[in-house]
Amino acid sequence: IPVGKDSMSMKTRWQEGNEEREMTSPLSLVISAFARVEDVRHTITPQLSTEDNALLLIDLGKGNNALGATALAQVYRQLGDKPADVRNVAQLKGFYDAIQALVAQRKLLAYHDRSDGGLLVTLAEMAFAGHCGI
């Protein structure tokens, strides 16, 4: 099923005064994946609930706080020099299995990674999705 857009040929042209200008988008690769969902009523979104619940931070980076190429770095006109990566595959697999178990037990109400700009961006996105404050 083809989805997304083709960024490989994105170009725009415009007139600025007497000068013809053009800009070509940087090349980007977009990969989509699909998986069967057993029951859509048990899917998890980043949408916070206004109910009285706990909000947990599970730090798989162990304090590394790699913000390279994130929204936060871009706000400060930086690329960042420390990109996030996986340092412990077994730990990541254990985390994934634990999340799946919590979803199956209906104990997890919302979930969001913090890859796009750290904890503050994550919390803001979750609050926006839930139309609530934190």
Protein backbone atom coordinates (compact mmCIF):
# COMPACT_ATOMS: atom_id res chain seq x y z
CA ILE A 1 0.00 0.00 0.00
CA PRO A 2 1.77 3.19 -1.07
CA VAL A 3 1.56 5.96 1.51
CA GLY A 4 3.38 9.17 2.30
CA LYS A 5 4.92 11.48 -0.21
CA ASP A 6 7.88 11.49 -2.55
CA SER A 7 10.46 13.94 -1.23
CA MET A 8 13.03 12.87 -3.77
CA SER A 9 11.91 15.45 -6.34
CA MET A 10 10.46 18.27 -4.25
CA LYS A 11 11.35 21.60 -5.84
CA THR A 12 9.69 24.99 -5.69
CA ARG A 13 10.22 28.08 -7.83
CA TRP A 14 9.19 31.68 -7.22
CA GLN A 15 9.76 35.20 -8.41
CA GLU A 16 11.44 37.63 -6.00
CA GLY A 17 11.50 41.07 -7.58
CA ASN A 18 13.10 40.60 -11.00
CA GLU A 19 14.91 37.47 -9.90
CA GLU A 20 13.72 33.91 -10.51
CA ARG A 21 14.49 31.78 -7.42
CA GLU A 22 14.25 28.06 -6.76
CA MET A 23 14.77 25.75 -3.82
CA THR A 24 15.14 21.99 -3.85
CA SER A 25 14.28 20.04 -0.73
CA PRO A 26 17.03 17.92 0.80
CA LEU A 27 16.74 14.25 -0.09
CA SER A 28 14.89 12.22 2.49
CA LEU A 29 13.83 8.62 2.76
CA VAL A 30 10.46 7.85 4.32
CA ILE A 31 9.77 4.28 5.37
CA SER A 32 6.33 3.14 6.51
CA ALA A 33 5.43 -0.13 8.16
CA PHE A 34 2.15 -1.84 8.88
CA ALA A 35 1.20 -4.50 11.41
CA ARG A 36 -1.97 -6.35 12.24
CA VAL A 37 -3.78 -4.99 15.30
CA GLU A 38 -5.62 -7.59 17.36
CA ASP A 39 -8.13 -5.14 18.85
CA VAL A 40 -8.14 -1.42 18.01
CA ARG A 41 -9.84 -0.68 21.33
CA HIS A 42 -6.55 -1.56 23.04
CA THR A 43 -4.21 0.71 21.08
CA ILE A 44 -2.11 3.25 22.96
CA THR A 45 -1.78 6.89 21.93
CA PRO A 46 0.16 9.79 23.47
CA GLN A 47 -3.14 11.33 24.60
CA LEU A 48 -3.02 12.14 28.31
CA SER A 49 -6.12 11.51 30.37
CA THR A 50 -7.55 14.13 32.71
CA GLU A 51 -8.19 11.36 35.24
CA ASP A 52 -5.99 11.11 38.33
CA ASN A 53 -3.14 8.97 36.98
CA ALA A 54 0.63 8.72 37.36
CA LEU A 55 3.00 9.95 34.65
CA LEU A 56 6.25 7.97 34.53
CA LEU A 57 9.59 8.64 32.84
CA ILE A 58 11.52 5.48 32.02
CA ASP A 59 15.02 6.58 31.06
CA LEU A 60 16.50 3.95 28.76
CA GLY A 61 19.33 6.37 27.97
CA LYS A 62 20.46 6.29 31.62
CA GLY A 63 20.90 10.06 31.79
CA ASN A 64 22.63 10.34 28.41
CA ASN A 65 20.05 12.90 27.16
CA ALA A 66 21.15 12.77 23.53
CA LEU A 67 19.37 15.64 21.75
CA GLY A 68 21.22 15.67 18.42
CA ALA A 69 18.93 16.38 15.43
CA THR A 70 15.89 16.97 17.66
CA ALA A 71 13.25 19.70 17.60
CA LEU A 72 14.88 21.29 20.65
CA ALA A 73 18.28 21.47 18.94
CA GLN A 74 16.65 23.03 15.87
CA VAL A 75 14.97 25.73 17.96
CA TYR A 76 18.44 26.83 19.02
CA ARG A 77 19.69 26.59 15.42
CA GLN A 78 21.89 23.64 16.23
CA LEU A 79 22.20 20.21 14.76
CA GLY A 80 23.46 18.74 18.00
CA ASP A 81 26.49 16.54 18.38
CA LYS A 82 25.07 13.60 20.30
CA PRO A 83 22.33 11.62 18.49
CA ALA A 84 20.23 9.06 20.32
CA ASP A 85 21.14 5.45 19.74
CA VAL A 86 20.60 2.03 21.28
CA ARG A 87 23.38 1.06 23.66
CA ASN A 88 21.73 -2.02 25.19
CA VAL A 89 19.59 -4.09 22.82
CA ALA A 90 18.54 -6.56 25.53
CA GLN A 91 17.30 -3.68 27.71
CA LEU A 92 15.31 -2.23 24.78
CA LYS A 93 13.76 -5.65 24.08
CA GLY A 94 12.83 -6.03 27.76
CA PHE A 95 11.26 -2.56 27.73
CA TYR A 96 9.25 -3.41 24.60
CA ASP A 97 8.03 -6.68 26.15
CA ALA A 98 7.03 -4.89 29.37
CA ILE A 99 5.09 -2.23 27.42
CA GLN A 100 3.27 -4.94 25.45
CA ALA A 101 2.36 -6.76 28.68
CA LEU A 102 1.01 -3.54 30.23
CA VAL A 103 -1.07 -2.88 27.10
CA ALA A 104 -2.47 -6.42 27.22
CA GLN A 105 -3.38 -5.96 30.90
CA ARG A 106 -4.93 -2.56 30.11
CA LYS A 107 -2.69 -0.87 32.68
CA LEU A 108 -1.07 1.57 30.26
CA LEU A 109 -3.24 4.53 29.22
CA ALA A 110 -0.83 6.60 27.10
CA TYR A 111 2.71 6.33 25.76
CA HIS A 112 5.19 8.61 24.00
CA ASP A 113 8.89 8.47 23.26
CA ARG A 114 11.07 11.52 23.86
CA SER A 115 13.11 11.42 20.68
CA ASP A 116 12.06 14.75 19.16
CA GLY A 117 13.24 17.22 21.74
CA GLY A 118 13.57 15.77 25.16
CA LEU A 119 11.17 15.56 28.05
CA LEU A 120 9.58 19.02 27.69
CA VAL A 121 8.60 18.45 24.04
CA THR A 122 7.22 15.01 24.94
CA LEU A 123 5.11 16.38 27.79
CA ALA A 124 3.81 19.24 25.63
CA GLU A 125 2.82 16.86 22.82
CA MET A 126 1.04 14.54 25.26
CA ALA A 127 -0.81 17.46 26.86
CA PHE A 128 -1.82 18.83 23.43
CA ALA A 129 -3.14 15.39 22.42
CA GLY A 130 -5.20 15.13 25.62
CA HIS A 131 -6.37 18.77 25.55
CA CYS A 132 -5.20 19.12 29.13
CA GLY A 133 -2.46 20.55 31.29
CA ILE A 134 0.14 18.72 33.31
